[in-house]
Amino acid sequence: MHSTSTFYNRISFLYPAINYFLKGQRKALIEEVNSAVPGRLLEIGVGNGSHLPLYAGHYVTGIDISAAMLSKAQRFTCDNVRLLLMDGEALSFPDACFDYVVMSHVLAVTRDPDKLLAQVYRVLKPGGKLFILNHFTPANWLGYVDRAFQPFSSLLHFRSSFYLQDVKGLQRFSLLKQTELGTGSYFKLLIFCKP
């Protein structure tokens, strides 16, 4: 077990409060996902699974690196939801097996975002969509806050200074839609397509 999974096992009890803080963003994400034709959906970093019941029509596979998080998410399993303990950077699924991949606040906490995105590209079907909700350091006053917090953010297992243009793994995808969310456009909801 590596340090990231240990960290999320320890803070799993905090996630109801975190989910409350992020509920407006998650609502926008789920609405976009549910506007897509029902299909096979992979959610990487499913956390405590509190939003799993909000998916409509999709067959959902949720993975997380934290066993404690998945234990909490088990209460939301049903016929169209399965949960697996798995690292997004080492997916054990065959190529081109998912119509959609969803990542909510995952890119800035994974060890290697480009490695993760290479795995996403591999398991997505051609024409499949990738939904990303994440903070990205903006070119406004919030950028100074991110940079000031950066020396401490590693203790919380995330990157506070995180720039969209630095995520090279996204270059293989085509951007379909970008929505700015939160104060100072601190969060982005991005929808990509695998060519």
Protein backbone atom coordinates (compact mmCIF):
# COMPACT_ATOMS: atom_id res chain seq x y z
CA MET A 1 0.00 0.00 0.00
CA HIS A 2 1.54 3.32 -0.95
CA SER A 3 1.31 6.60 0.94
CA THR A 4 -1.60 8.05 -1.08
CA SER A 5 -3.93 5.16 -0.32
CA THR A 6 -2.90 5.27 3.36
CA PHE A 7 -3.66 9.00 3.46
CA TYR A 8 -7.13 8.60 1.95
CA ASN A 9 -7.89 5.66 4.23
CA ARG A 10 -7.17 7.96 7.17
CA ILE A 11 -9.28 10.90 5.98
CA SER A 12 -12.24 8.93 4.62
CA PHE A 13 -14.37 10.11 7.57
CA LEU A 14 -14.01 13.72 6.35
CA TYR A 15 -15.56 13.14 2.95
CA PRO A 16 -19.16 14.02 3.81
CA ALA A 17 -17.95 17.57 4.60
CA ILE A 18 -15.78 17.69 1.46
CA ASN A 19 -18.69 16.47 -0.66
CA TYR A 20 -20.93 19.17 0.80
CA PHE A 21 -18.37 21.84 -0.16
CA LEU A 22 -18.12 20.47 -3.71
CA LYS A 23 -21.80 19.66 -4.30
CA GLY A 24 -22.43 22.51 -6.76
CA GLN A 25 -19.56 21.41 -8.97
CA ARG A 26 -20.53 17.76 -8.74
CA LYS A 27 -24.10 18.67 -9.76
CA ALA A 28 -22.77 20.29 -12.95
CA LEU A 29 -20.61 17.24 -13.65
CA ILE A 30 -23.42 14.73 -13.14
CA GLU A 31 -25.78 16.75 -15.35
CA GLU A 32 -23.25 16.64 -18.19
CA VAL A 33 -22.65 12.90 -17.75
CA ASN A 34 -26.37 12.15 -17.63
CA SER A 35 -26.96 14.11 -20.83
CA ALA A 36 -24.89 11.48 -22.65
CA VAL A 37 -26.42 8.31 -24.10
CA PRO A 38 -26.35 5.57 -21.41
CA GLY A 39 -23.24 3.39 -21.63
CA ARG A 40 -20.37 1.77 -19.77
CA LEU A 41 -18.85 4.36 -17.44
CA LEU A 42 -15.63 4.19 -15.44
CA GLU A 43 -15.26 6.56 -12.53
CA ILE A 44 -11.69 6.86 -11.31
CA GLY A 45 -11.45 8.00 -7.68
CA VAL A 46 -15.03 7.18 -6.74
CA GLY A 47 -14.36 8.09 -3.09
CA ASN A 48 -17.22 7.35 -0.70
CA GLY A 49 -19.61 6.97 -3.64
CA SER A 50 -22.17 9.51 -2.45
CA HIS A 51 -22.97 10.63 -6.00
CA LEU A 52 -23.29 7.11 -7.49
CA PRO A 53 -27.11 7.13 -7.13
CA LEU A 54 -27.19 10.32 -9.25
CA TYR A 55 -25.99 8.60 -12.42
CA ALA A 56 -28.92 7.84 -14.71
CA GLY A 57 -28.89 4.89 -17.08
CA HIS A 58 -25.15 4.18 -17.12
CA TYR A 59 -23.51 0.92 -16.09
CA VAL A 60 -20.92 2.25 -13.62
CA THR A 61 -17.59 0.79 -12.57
CA GLY A 62 -16.12 2.81 -9.72
CA ILE A 63 -12.51 2.40 -8.66
CA ASP A 64 -10.51 3.90 -5.85
CA ILE A 65 -7.07 3.41 -4.36
CA SER A 66 -8.49 3.58 -0.82
CA ALA A 67 -10.11 0.49 0.71
CA ALA A 68 -11.70 2.66 3.41
CA MET A 69 -13.36 4.86 0.79
CA LEU A 70 -14.66 1.84 -1.11
CA SER A 71 -16.03 0.37 2.11
CA LYS A 72 -18.16 3.50 2.55
CA ALA A 73 -19.18 3.43 -1.12
CA GLN A 74 -20.47 -0.17 -0.87
CA ARG A 75 -23.81 1.10 0.43
CA PHE A 76 -24.50 2.55 -3.03
CA THR A 77 -23.88 -0.62 -5.01
CA CYS A 78 -26.74 -2.03 -7.06
CA ASP A 79 -27.26 -3.98 -10.28
CA ASN A 80 -25.66 -1.29 -12.43
CA VAL A 81 -22.77 -0.35 -10.09
CA ARG A 82 -19.65 -2.32 -9.25
CA LEU A 83 -16.71 -1.15 -7.13
CA LEU A 84 -13.09 -2.24 -7.38
CA LEU A 85 -9.91 -1.47 -5.45
CA MET A 86 -7.57 -0.28 -8.20
CA ASP A 87 -4.96 2.35 -9.06
CA GLY A 88 -5.99 4.52 -12.01
CA GLU A 89 -2.39 4.57 -13.21
CA ALA A 90 -2.45 0.77 -13.62
CA LEU A 91 -5.93 -0.12 -14.88
CA SER A 92 -6.56 -3.85 -15.30
CA PHE A 93 -9.33 -3.43 -17.89
CA PRO A 94 -8.98 -4.40 -21.56
CA ASP A 95 -8.48 -1.79 -24.28
CA ALA A 96 -11.45 0.24 -25.54
CA CYS A 97 -14.01 -1.14 -23.09
CA PHE A 98 -15.64 2.04 -21.69
CA ASP A 99 -17.85 4.63 -23.34
CA TYR A 100 -17.11 7.23 -20.66
CA VAL A 101 -14.49 7.97 -18.01
CA VAL A 102 -15.21 10.38 -15.15
CA MET A 103 -12.56 11.93 -12.89
CA SER A 104 -13.68 14.34 -10.20
CA HIS A 105 -10.82 16.07 -8.36
CA VAL A 106 -8.40 13.28 -9.24
CA LEU A 107 -5.83 14.78 -11.64
CA ALA A 108 -4.16 16.99 -9.02
CA VAL A 109 -3.87 14.16 -6.48
CA THR A 110 -2.57 11.34 -8.67
CA ARG A 111 1.16 10.67 -8.67
CA ASP A 112 1.53 10.98 -12.45
CA PRO A 113 -1.36 12.68 -14.29
CA ASP A 114 0.06 11.85 -17.72
CA LYS A 115 0.38 8.15 -16.86
CA LEU A 116 -3.20 8.17 -15.60
CA LEU A 117 -4.41 9.82 -18.81
CA ALA A 118 -2.53 7.27 -20.92
CA GLN A 119 -4.50 4.55 -19.13
CA VAL A 120 -7.75 6.46 -19.65
CA TYR A 121 -6.99 6.80 -23.36
CA ARG A 122 -6.34 3.07 -23.59
CA VAL A 123 -9.60 1.92 -21.95
CA LEU A 124 -11.85 4.47 -23.70
CA LYS A 125 -13.55 3.41 -26.90
CA PRO A 126 -12.88 5.56 -30.00
CA GLY A 127 -15.39 8.41 -29.76
CA GLY A 128 -15.64 7.87 -26.01
CA LYS A 129 -15.83 10.87 -23.69
CA LEU A 130 -13.68 11.89 -20.75
CA PHE A 131 -15.25 14.13 -18.09
CA ILE A 132 -12.82 15.96 -15.81
CA LEU A 133 -13.71 18.17 -12.86
CA ASN A 134 -10.65 19.66 -11.18
CA HIS A 135 -9.04 22.82 -9.88
CA PHE A 136 -6.56 24.45 -12.20
CA THR A 137 -4.46 27.41 -11.07
CA PRO A 138 -5.95 30.50 -12.78
CA ALA A 139 -4.13 33.62 -13.96
CA ASN A 140 -5.68 35.80 -11.25
CA TRP A 141 -5.24 36.41 -7.51
CA LEU A 142 -6.01 32.77 -6.76
CA GLY A 143 -2.78 31.83 -8.52
CA TYR A 144 -0.85 33.59 -5.75
CA VAL A 145 -2.78 31.61 -3.13
CA ASP A 146 -2.00 28.32 -4.91
CA ARG A 147 1.69 29.12 -5.15
CA ALA A 148 1.86 30.19 -1.50
CA PHE A 149 0.21 26.96 -0.40
CA GLN A 150 2.32 24.70 -2.65
CA PRO A 151 5.03 23.90 -0.02
CA PHE A 152 2.33 22.47 2.27
CA SER A 153 0.05 20.81 -0.27
CA SER A 154 2.19 17.68 -0.53
CA LEU A 155 1.27 16.92 3.09
CA LEU A 156 -2.34 16.68 1.86
CA HIS A 157 -1.31 14.60 -1.18
CA PHE A 158 -2.26 17.09 -3.88
CA ARG A 159 -0.75 19.84 -6.00
CA SER A 160 -2.10 23.28 -5.18
CA SER A 161 -0.24 24.85 -8.14
CA PHE A 162 -1.71 22.89 -11.03
CA TYR A 163 -1.81 24.29 -14.57
CA LEU A 164 -3.97 22.88 -17.35
CA GLN A 165 -1.31 23.55 -20.00
CA ASP A 166 1.17 21.36 -18.08
CA VAL A 167 -1.00 18.23 -18.38
CA LYS A 168 0.52 16.86 -21.58
CA GLY A 169 -1.57 13.67 -21.48
CA LEU A 170 -4.63 15.67 -22.51
CA GLN A 171 -3.12 16.52 -25.89
CA ARG A 172 -4.20 13.12 -27.27
CA PHE A 173 -7.85 14.03 -26.67
CA SER A 174 -10.09 16.56 -28.42
CA LEU A 175 -11.67 19.20 -26.16
CA LEU A 176 -15.44 19.35 -26.66
CA LYS A 177 -16.49 21.72 -23.88
CA GLN A 178 -15.01 23.76 -21.03
CA THR A 179 -17.07 25.25 -18.21
CA GLU A 180 -15.62 27.58 -15.55
CA LEU A 181 -16.89 26.98 -12.02
CA GLY A 182 -16.34 28.53 -8.60
CA THR A 183 -14.88 31.81 -7.42
CA GLY A 184 -12.38 33.22 -9.89
CA SER A 185 -12.96 30.29 -12.28
CA TYR A 186 -10.82 28.17 -9.97
CA PHE A 187 -12.49 24.93 -11.07
CA LYS A 188 -13.04 23.67 -14.59
CA LEU A 189 -15.40 21.06 -15.96
CA LEU A 190 -13.76 19.70 -19.10
CA ILE A 191 -15.27 17.27 -21.60
CA PHE A 192 -12.90 15.55 -24.01
CA CYS A 193 -13.38 13.00 -26.76
CA LYS A 194 -11.00 10.20 -27.78
CA PRO A 195 -10.56 10.55 -31.56
